[in-house]
Amino acid sequence: MAESTDLMATIRAELRRSDPEAPLYRRLGQALGSALVSVGAIGGQALPSERRLSEVLGISRVTVRRALDELARDGRLRRRQGAQTRVSERVQKALSKVTGFSEELLARGSQPGHRWVSRQTVLPTPSEALALGLSAQDQVVRLVRIRTADDQPLAIERAVIPQSILPDGNLVENSLYAVLRSLGAEPVRGAQRIRAGIMAPVEAELLQAETGAPLLIIERRCYLADGRPVEFTETRYNGALYDFLTDLGS
């Protein structure tokens, strides 16, 4: 993959779709991250060198290095001095069908529910801006809630959507995807990364579990038909209950 024509072409295409007012390193990081999903990169695969990326894309090595460093901090790349940059070996799986939490639980015969923690319109964090291809000045709607299955706390969900797509978080009462669908902004493709964690005291309290209990953390990025990022969501599941959500049957 290191010299993949498809990868370079996909990066260029993603750059053309990115916000021209955003910093170039952030646009490049978002374009590269999206391109890796599009070409089906897997954990451990090597990327082109900084010099190669710089030469082919016509972007300075300083900018390329900063973009790669941002992706590494976000957990999507693995970088070591004197070694090739590689795709992180954390699980990153393309979604064959994009569905929301409520739709997923209903399909499994359980009753979805939630309790709101906050609905805010704010400036994005650096990782949120990178994931959504935004500048630091572009506002986002951040939705934080406790997700329940049959009234049992199951997960802490933090969804972030550009305000240019979702003007007001109060529009969302139950299903975020139903609201996006009504706005003509339904996601059509996405990718998710999965990693393990343990509950901090505040997470344990919200999920009615013990501090130090296992978490399954799923980061999800979804896109519109034109390639624009529409959603960046981190969901922290109670690891003891996650099998219920992922049992797909035969």
C-alpha atoms as a PDB file:
ATOM      1  CA  MET A   1       0.000   0.000   0.000  1.00  0.00           C
ATOM      2  CA  ALA A   2       2.922   2.355   0.601  1.00  0.00           C
ATOM      3  CA  GLU A   3       3.013   3.552  -3.016  1.00  0.00           C
ATOM      4  CA  SER A   4      -0.664   2.913  -3.761  1.00  0.00           C
ATOM      5  CA  THR A   5      -1.977   5.031  -6.621  1.00  0.00           C
ATOM      6  CA  ASP A   6      -5.479   4.505  -5.244  1.00  0.00           C
ATOM      7  CA  LEU A   7      -4.470   5.890  -1.858  1.00  0.00           C
ATOM      8  CA  MET A   8      -2.877   9.027  -3.311  1.00  0.00           C
ATOM      9  CA  ALA A   9      -5.809   9.618  -5.659  1.00  0.00           C
ATOM     10  CA  THR A  10      -8.270   9.193  -2.786  1.00  0.00           C
ATOM     11  CA  ILE A  11      -6.321  11.633  -0.601  1.00  0.00           C
ATOM     12  CA  ARG A  12      -6.429  14.210  -3.399  1.00  0.00           C
ATOM     13  CA  ALA A  13     -10.174  13.702  -3.844  1.00  0.00           C
ATOM     14  CA  GLU A  14     -10.791  14.077  -0.102  1.00  0.00           C
ATOM     15  CA  LEU A  15      -8.665  17.236  -0.023  1.00  0.00           C
ATOM     16  CA  ARG A  16     -10.751  18.753  -2.822  1.00  0.00           C
ATOM     17  CA  ARG A  17     -13.894  18.130  -0.762  1.00  0.00           C
ATOM     18  CA  SER A  18     -12.440  19.555   2.455  1.00  0.00           C
ATOM     19  CA  ASP A  19     -13.092  23.017   3.855  1.00  0.00           C
ATOM     20  CA  PRO A  20     -10.622  25.404   2.155  1.00  0.00           C
ATOM     21  CA  GLU A  21     -10.714  27.689   5.199  1.00  0.00           C
ATOM     22  CA  ALA A  22      -9.522  24.973   7.590  1.00  0.00           C
ATOM     23  CA  PRO A  23      -5.776  24.665   8.328  1.00  0.00           C
ATOM     24  CA  LEU A  24      -4.026  22.618   5.652  1.00  0.00           C
ATOM     25  CA  TYR A  25      -2.557  20.113   8.136  1.00  0.00           C
ATOM     26  CA  ARG A  26      -6.046  19.423   9.488  1.00  0.00           C
ATOM     27  CA  ARG A  27      -7.499  19.055   5.988  1.00  0.00           C
ATOM     28  CA  LEU A  28      -4.697  16.660   5.094  1.00  0.00           C
ATOM     29  CA  GLY A  29      -5.183  14.629   8.277  1.00  0.00           C
ATOM     30  CA  GLN A  30      -8.902  14.291   7.626  1.00  0.00           C
ATOM     31  CA  ALA A  31      -8.305  13.436   3.962  1.00  0.00           C
ATOM     32  CA  LEU A  32      -5.722  10.794   4.819  1.00  0.00           C
ATOM     33  CA  GLY A  33      -7.906   9.272   7.533  1.00  0.00           C
ATOM     34  CA  SER A  34     -10.885   9.050   5.178  1.00  0.00           C
ATOM     35  CA  ALA A  35      -8.694   7.664   2.378  1.00  0.00           C
ATOM     36  CA  LEU A  36      -7.404   4.860   4.601  1.00  0.00           C
ATOM     37  CA  VAL A  37     -11.008   3.807   5.272  1.00  0.00           C
ATOM     38  CA  SER A  38     -11.945   4.046   1.580  1.00  0.00           C
ATOM     39  CA  VAL A  39      -9.057   1.877   0.350  1.00  0.00           C
ATOM     40  CA  GLY A  40      -9.589  -0.717   3.099  1.00  0.00           C
ATOM     41  CA  ALA A  41      -6.330  -0.216   4.992  1.00  0.00           C
ATOM     42  CA  ILE A  42      -5.761  -2.702   7.810  1.00  0.00           C
ATOM     43  CA  GLY A  43      -3.752  -2.527  11.007  1.00  0.00           C
ATOM     44  CA  GLY A  44      -0.008  -2.744  10.529  1.00  0.00           C
ATOM     45  CA  GLN A  45       0.098  -1.549   6.924  1.00  0.00           C
ATOM     46  CA  ALA A  46       2.811   0.993   6.129  1.00  0.00           C
ATOM     47  CA  LEU A  47       2.076   4.460   4.792  1.00  0.00           C
ATOM     48  CA  PRO A  48       4.116   6.336   2.216  1.00  0.00           C
ATOM     49  CA  SER A  49       6.995   8.268   3.759  1.00  0.00           C
ATOM     50  CA  GLU A  50       6.657  11.932   4.716  1.00  0.00           C
ATOM     51  CA  ARG A  51       8.874  12.815   1.759  1.00  0.00           C
ATOM     52  CA  ARG A  52       6.776  10.747  -0.664  1.00  0.00           C
ATOM     53  CA  LEU A  53       3.520  12.276   0.561  1.00  0.00           C
ATOM     54  CA  SER A  54       5.041  15.741   0.318  1.00  0.00           C
ATOM     55  CA  GLU A  55       6.308  15.203  -3.241  1.00  0.00           C
ATOM     56  CA  VAL A  56       3.182  13.581  -4.645  1.00  0.00           C
ATOM     57  CA  LEU A  57       0.666  15.890  -2.947  1.00  0.00           C
ATOM     58  CA  GLY A  58       2.699  19.082  -3.326  1.00  0.00           C
ATOM     59  CA  ILE A  59       2.483  19.855   0.402  1.00  0.00           C
ATOM     60  CA  SER A  60       5.394  20.793   2.635  1.00  0.00           C
ATOM     61  CA  ARG A  61       6.938  18.079   4.817  1.00  0.00           C
ATOM     62  CA  VAL A  62       6.277  20.199   7.902  1.00  0.00           C
ATOM     63  CA  THR A  63       2.542  20.170   7.108  1.00  0.00           C
ATOM     64  CA  VAL A  64       2.596  16.449   6.293  1.00  0.00           C
ATOM     65  CA  ARG A  65       4.396  15.685   9.555  1.00  0.00           C
ATOM     66  CA  ARG A  66       1.886  17.691  11.577  1.00  0.00           C
ATOM     67  CA  ALA A  67      -1.046  15.902   9.930  1.00  0.00           C
ATOM     68  CA  LEU A  68       0.492  12.488  10.635  1.00  0.00           C
ATOM     69  CA  ASP A  69       1.235  13.461  14.228  1.00  0.00           C
ATOM     70  CA  GLU A  70      -2.412  14.496  14.715  1.00  0.00           C
ATOM     71  CA  LEU A  71      -3.615  11.139  13.385  1.00  0.00           C
ATOM     72  CA  ALA A  72      -1.155   9.350  15.662  1.00  0.00           C
ATOM     73  CA  ARG A  73      -2.429  11.257  18.701  1.00  0.00           C
ATOM     74  CA  ASP A  74      -5.957  10.326  17.651  1.00  0.00           C
ATOM     75  CA  GLY A  75      -4.921   6.659  17.723  1.00  0.00           C
ATOM     76  CA  ARG A  76      -5.316   6.036  13.997  1.00  0.00           C
ATOM     77  CA  LEU A  77      -1.612   5.765  13.131  1.00  0.00           C
ATOM     78  CA  ARG A  78       1.468   4.346  14.874  1.00  0.00           C
ATOM     79  CA  ARG A  79       4.655   6.412  14.516  1.00  0.00           C
ATOM     80  CA  ARG A  80       8.167   5.703  15.803  1.00  0.00           C
ATOM     81  CA  GLN A  81      11.318   7.631  15.062  1.00  0.00           C
ATOM     82  CA  GLY A  82      13.352   5.922  12.352  1.00  0.00           C
ATOM     83  CA  ALA A  83      10.519   3.547  11.424  1.00  0.00           C
ATOM     84  CA  GLN A  84       7.722   3.599   8.894  1.00  0.00           C
ATOM     85  CA  THR A  85       4.390   5.130   9.864  1.00  0.00           C
ATOM     86  CA  ARG A  86       1.788   2.378  10.043  1.00  0.00           C
ATOM     87  CA  VAL A  87      -1.964   2.106  10.391  1.00  0.00           C
ATOM     88  CA  SER A  88      -2.932   1.473  14.006  1.00  0.00           C
ATOM     89  CA  GLU A  89      -3.710  -2.140  14.817  1.00  0.00           C
ATOM     90  CA  ARG A  90      -6.772  -1.153  16.786  1.00  0.00           C
ATOM     91  CA  VAL A  91      -9.909  -2.477  15.165  1.00  0.00           C
ATOM     92  CA  GLN A  92     -11.201  -0.157  12.413  1.00  0.00           C
ATOM     93  CA  LYS A  93     -14.041  -1.714  10.473  1.00  0.00           C
ATOM     94  CA  ALA A  94     -15.981  -0.298   7.542  1.00  0.00           C
ATOM     95  CA  LEU A  95     -19.746  -0.320   8.137  1.00  0.00           C
ATOM     96  CA  SER A  96     -21.836  -2.136   5.547  1.00  0.00           C
ATOM     97  CA  LYS A  97     -24.966  -0.396   6.842  1.00  0.00           C
ATOM     98  CA  VAL A  98     -25.138   2.733   8.963  1.00  0.00           C
ATOM     99  CA  THR A  99     -27.738   2.490  11.711  1.00  0.00           C
ATOM    100  CA  GLY A 100     -28.308   4.405  14.910  1.00  0.00           C
ATOM    101  CA  PHE A 101     -28.414   3.091  18.462  1.00  0.00           C
ATOM    102  CA  SER A 102     -32.216   3.111  18.658  1.00  0.00           C
ATOM    103  CA  GLU A 103     -32.628   1.225  15.375  1.00  0.00           C
ATOM    104  CA  GLU A 104     -29.984  -1.294  16.426  1.00  0.00           C
ATOM    105  CA  LEU A 105     -31.663  -2.105  19.749  1.00  0.00           C
ATOM    106  CA  LEU A 106     -35.143  -2.326  18.228  1.00  0.00           C
ATOM    107  CA  ALA A 107     -33.817  -4.784  15.638  1.00  0.00           C
ATOM    108  CA  ARG A 108     -32.588  -6.950  18.524  1.00  0.00           C
ATOM    109  CA  GLY A 109     -35.934  -6.977  20.298  1.00  0.00           C
ATOM    110  CA  SER A 110     -34.994  -4.589  23.106  1.00  0.00           C
ATOM    111  CA  GLN A 111     -36.468  -1.239  24.064  1.00  0.00           C
ATOM    112  CA  PRO A 112     -34.037   1.683  23.617  1.00  0.00           C
ATOM    113  CA  GLY A 113     -34.061   4.633  25.952  1.00  0.00           C
ATOM    114  CA  HIS A 114     -31.838   7.464  27.139  1.00  0.00           C
ATOM    115  CA  ARG A 115     -31.235  10.145  29.730  1.00  0.00           C
ATOM    116  CA  TRP A 116     -29.782  13.432  28.571  1.00  0.00           C
ATOM    117  CA  VAL A 117     -26.603  14.713  30.192  1.00  0.00           C
ATOM    118  CA  SER A 118     -26.148  17.766  27.972  1.00  0.00           C
ATOM    119  CA  ARG A 119     -27.008  19.297  24.592  1.00  0.00           C
ATOM    120  CA  GLN A 120     -24.578  22.083  23.720  1.00  0.00           C
ATOM    121  CA  THR A 121     -23.476  24.194  20.787  1.00  0.00           C
ATOM    122  CA  VAL A 122     -19.747  24.694  21.307  1.00  0.00           C
ATOM    123  CA  LEU A 123     -16.384  24.996  19.599  1.00  0.00           C
ATOM    124  CA  PRO A 124     -14.887  21.596  18.757  1.00  0.00           C
ATOM    125  CA  THR A 125     -11.996  19.966  20.550  1.00  0.00           C
ATOM    126  CA  PRO A 126      -8.930  19.359  18.334  1.00  0.00           C
ATOM    127  CA  SER A 127      -9.855  15.679  17.864  1.00  0.00           C
ATOM    128  CA  GLU A 128     -13.465  16.565  17.001  1.00  0.00           C
ATOM    129  CA  ALA A 129     -12.352  19.199  14.487  1.00  0.00           C
ATOM    130  CA  LEU A 130      -9.965  16.715  12.874  1.00  0.00           C
ATOM    131  CA  ALA A 131     -12.589  13.969  12.675  1.00  0.00           C
ATOM    132  CA  LEU A 132     -15.182  16.285  11.124  1.00  0.00           C
ATOM    133  CA  GLY A 133     -12.845  18.261   8.867  1.00  0.00           C
ATOM    134  CA  LEU A 134     -13.646  21.551  10.617  1.00  0.00           C
ATOM    135  CA  SER A 135     -11.658  24.585  11.616  1.00  0.00           C
ATOM    136  CA  ALA A 136     -11.229  25.489  15.269  1.00  0.00           C
ATOM    137  CA  GLN A 137     -13.810  28.275  14.797  1.00  0.00           C
ATOM    138  CA  ASP A 138     -16.575  26.084  13.312  1.00  0.00           C
ATOM    139  CA  GLN A 139     -19.199  25.332  15.916  1.00  0.00           C
ATOM    140  CA  VAL A 140     -20.522  21.852  16.602  1.00  0.00           C
ATOM    141  CA  VAL A 141     -23.520  20.413  18.395  1.00  0.00           C
ATOM    142  CA  ARG A 142     -22.352  18.032  21.121  1.00  0.00           C
ATOM    143  CA  LEU A 143     -24.941  15.595  22.468  1.00  0.00           C
ATOM    144  CA  VAL A 144     -24.130  13.596  25.613  1.00  0.00           C
ATOM    145  CA  ARG A 145     -26.555  11.034  26.991  1.00  0.00           C
ATOM    146  CA  ILE A 146     -26.820   7.778  28.877  1.00  0.00           C
ATOM    147  CA  ARG A 147     -28.155   5.079  26.579  1.00  0.00           C
ATOM    148  CA  THR A 148     -30.348   2.391  28.103  1.00  0.00           C
ATOM    149  CA  ALA A 149     -31.652  -0.998  27.016  1.00  0.00           C
ATOM    150  CA  ASP A 150     -34.904  -2.041  28.727  1.00  0.00           C
ATOM    151  CA  ASP A 151     -34.274   0.759  31.262  1.00  0.00           C
ATOM    152  CA  GLN A 152     -30.809  -0.570  32.177  1.00  0.00           C
ATOM    153  CA  PRO A 153     -27.866   1.848  31.676  1.00  0.00           C
ATOM    154  CA  LEU A 154     -25.791   0.457  28.842  1.00  0.00           C
ATOM    155  CA  ALA A 155     -23.529   3.168  27.480  1.00  0.00           C
ATOM    156  CA  ILE A 156     -22.383   6.773  27.641  1.00  0.00           C
ATOM    157  CA  GLU A 157     -22.710   8.318  24.192  1.00  0.00           C
ATOM    158  CA  ARG A 158     -21.102  11.554  23.032  1.00  0.00           C
ATOM    159  CA  ALA A 159     -22.160  12.523  19.499  1.00  0.00           C
ATOM    160  CA  VAL A 160     -20.729  15.552  17.713  1.00  0.00           C
ATOM    161  CA  ILE A 161     -22.283  17.007  14.548  1.00  0.00           C
ATOM    162  CA  PRO A 162     -21.320  20.176  12.644  1.00  0.00           C
ATOM    163  CA  GLN A 163     -23.794  22.952  13.452  1.00  0.00           C
ATOM    164  CA  SER A 164     -23.955  23.662   9.723  1.00  0.00           C
ATOM    165  CA  ILE A 165     -25.745  20.292   9.443  1.00  0.00           C
ATOM    166  CA  LEU A 166     -27.637  20.128  12.753  1.00  0.00           C
ATOM    167  CA  PRO A 167     -28.563  23.710  13.725  1.00  0.00           C
ATOM    168  CA  ASP A 168     -29.848  22.955  17.240  1.00  0.00           C
ATOM    169  CA  GLY A 169     -29.286  19.997  19.542  1.00  0.00           C
ATOM    170  CA  ASN A 170     -32.796  20.421  20.959  1.00  0.00           C
ATOM    171  CA  LEU A 171     -34.139  19.038  17.678  1.00  0.00           C
ATOM    172  CA  VAL A 172     -32.962  15.618  18.861  1.00  0.00           C
ATOM    173  CA  GLU A 173     -35.347  14.007  21.308  1.00  0.00           C
ATOM    174  CA  ASN A 174     -34.803  10.318  20.576  1.00  0.00           C
ATOM    175  CA  SER A 175     -33.093   9.184  17.367  1.00  0.00           C
ATOM    176  CA  LEU A 176     -30.314  11.419  16.037  1.00  0.00           C
ATOM    177  CA  TYR A 177     -30.408   9.606  12.709  1.00  0.00           C
ATOM    178  CA  ALA A 178     -34.149  10.234  12.325  1.00  0.00           C
ATOM    179  CA  VAL A 179     -33.493  13.962  12.721  1.00  0.00           C
ATOM    180  CA  LEU A 180     -30.573  13.882  10.277  1.00  0.00           C
ATOM    181  CA  ARG A 181     -32.799  12.011   7.823  1.00  0.00           C
ATOM    182  CA  SER A 182     -35.459  14.726   8.126  1.00  0.00           C
ATOM    183  CA  LEU A 183     -32.802  17.358   7.392  1.00  0.00           C
ATOM    184  CA  GLY A 184     -31.626  15.537   4.267  1.00  0.00           C
ATOM    185  CA  ALA A 185     -28.329  14.674   5.964  1.00  0.00           C
ATOM    186  CA  GLU A 186     -28.571  10.934   6.537  1.00  0.00           C
ATOM    187  CA  PRO A 187     -25.165   9.172   6.774  1.00  0.00           C
ATOM    188  CA  VAL A 188     -24.535   6.679   3.986  1.00  0.00           C
ATOM    189  CA  ARG A 189     -21.169   5.224   5.011  1.00  0.00           C
ATOM    190  CA  GLY A 190     -18.887   5.150   7.989  1.00  0.00           C
ATOM    191  CA  ALA A 191     -16.131   3.473   9.941  1.00  0.00           C
ATOM    192  CA  GLN A 192     -15.651   2.558  13.557  1.00  0.00           C
ATOM    193  CA  ARG A 193     -12.690   1.877  15.827  1.00  0.00           C
ATOM    194  CA  ILE A 194     -12.976  -0.340  18.872  1.00  0.00           C
ATOM    195  CA  ARG A 195     -10.733  -0.357  21.935  1.00  0.00           C
ATOM    196  CA  ALA A 196     -10.902  -1.520  25.522  1.00  0.00           C
ATOM    197  CA  GLY A 197     -10.870   0.637  28.644  1.00  0.00           C
ATOM    198  CA  ILE A 198     -11.845   0.655  32.309  1.00  0.00           C
ATOM    199  CA  MET A 199     -14.454   2.767  34.054  1.00  0.00           C
ATOM    200  CA  ALA A 200     -13.428   5.875  35.921  1.00  0.00           C
ATOM    201  CA  PRO A 201     -15.523   6.672  39.018  1.00  0.00           C
ATOM    202  CA  VAL A 202     -17.795   9.109  37.141  1.00  0.00           C
ATOM    203  CA  GLU A 203     -18.413   6.549  34.366  1.00  0.00           C
ATOM    204  CA  ALA A 204     -19.122   3.803  36.878  1.00  0.00           C
ATOM    205  CA  GLU A 205     -21.659   6.038  38.622  1.00  0.00           C
ATOM    206  CA  LEU A 206     -23.451   6.864  35.370  1.00  0.00           C
ATOM    207  CA  LEU A 207     -23.540   3.212  34.291  1.00  0.00           C
ATOM    208  CA  GLN A 208     -24.409   1.870  37.761  1.00  0.00           C
ATOM    209  CA  ALA A 209     -21.317  -0.306  37.791  1.00  0.00           C
ATOM    210  CA  GLU A 210     -18.081  -0.660  39.755  1.00  0.00           C
ATOM    211  CA  THR A 211     -15.069   1.598  39.258  1.00  0.00           C
ATOM    212  CA  GLY A 212     -12.504  -0.299  37.194  1.00  0.00           C
ATOM    213  CA  ALA A 213     -15.123  -2.424  35.418  1.00  0.00           C
ATOM    214  CA  PRO A 214     -14.427  -3.074  31.717  1.00  0.00           C
ATOM    215  CA  LEU A 215     -15.473  -0.630  29.018  1.00  0.00           C
ATOM    216  CA  LEU A 216     -15.741  -1.173  25.297  1.00  0.00           C
ATOM    217  CA  ILE A 217     -15.110   2.161  23.584  1.00  0.00           C
ATOM    218  CA  ILE A 218     -16.362   2.589  20.031  1.00  0.00           C
ATOM    219  CA  GLU A 219     -15.478   5.662  17.967  1.00  0.00           C
ATOM    220  CA  ARG A 220     -17.604   6.129  14.889  1.00  0.00           C
ATOM    221  CA  ARG A 221     -17.229   8.512  11.948  1.00  0.00           C
ATOM    222  CA  CYS A 222     -19.997   8.771   9.361  1.00  0.00           C
ATOM    223  CA  TYR A 223     -20.226  10.587   6.041  1.00  0.00           C
ATOM    224  CA  LEU A 224     -22.792  12.007   3.656  1.00  0.00           C
ATOM    225  CA  ALA A 225     -23.146  10.827   0.055  1.00  0.00           C
ATOM    226  CA  ASP A 226     -20.904  13.718  -1.087  1.00  0.00           C
ATOM    227  CA  GLY A 227     -18.124  12.640   1.285  1.00  0.00           C
ATOM    228  CA  ARG A 228     -18.604  15.309   3.949  1.00  0.00           C
ATOM    229  CA  PRO A 229     -18.236  14.100   7.560  1.00  0.00           C
ATOM    230  CA  VAL A 230     -21.584  14.331   9.342  1.00  0.00           C
ATOM    231  CA  GLU A 231     -21.034  12.611  12.699  1.00  0.00           C
ATOM    232  CA  PHE A 232     -18.268  11.778  15.155  1.00  0.00           C
ATOM    233  CA  THR A 233     -19.479   9.685  18.069  1.00  0.00           C
ATOM    234  CA  GLU A 234     -17.712   8.025  20.984  1.00  0.00           C
ATOM    235  CA  THR A 235     -19.787   5.460  22.866  1.00  0.00           C
ATOM    236  CA  ARG A 236     -18.515   3.882  26.082  1.00  0.00           C
ATOM    237  CA  TYR A 237     -20.340   0.600  26.647  1.00  0.00           C
ATOM    238  CA  ASN A 238     -20.530  -1.378  29.863  1.00  0.00           C
ATOM    239  CA  GLY A 239     -18.291  -4.276  28.794  1.00  0.00           C
ATOM    240  CA  ALA A 240     -20.338  -6.770  30.785  1.00  0.00           C
ATOM    241  CA  LEU A 241     -23.405  -6.006  28.625  1.00  0.00           C
ATOM    242  CA  TYR A 242     -21.856  -5.443  25.217  1.00  0.00           C
ATOM    243  CA  ASP A 243     -22.373  -9.021  23.969  1.00  0.00           C
ATOM    244  CA  PHE A 244     -26.095  -8.321  23.942  1.00  0.00           C
ATOM    245  CA  LEU A 245     -25.576  -5.617  21.344  1.00  0.00           C
ATOM    246  CA  THR A 246     -23.185  -7.526  19.122  1.00  0.00           C
ATOM    247  CA  ASP A 247     -24.884 -10.941  18.986  1.00  0.00           C
ATOM    248  CA  LEU A 248     -25.932 -10.974  15.319  1.00  0.00           C
ATOM    249  CA  GLY A 249     -27.249 -14.526  15.289  1.00  0.00           C
ATOM    250  CA  SER A 250     -26.959 -16.942  12.376  1.00  0.00           C
END
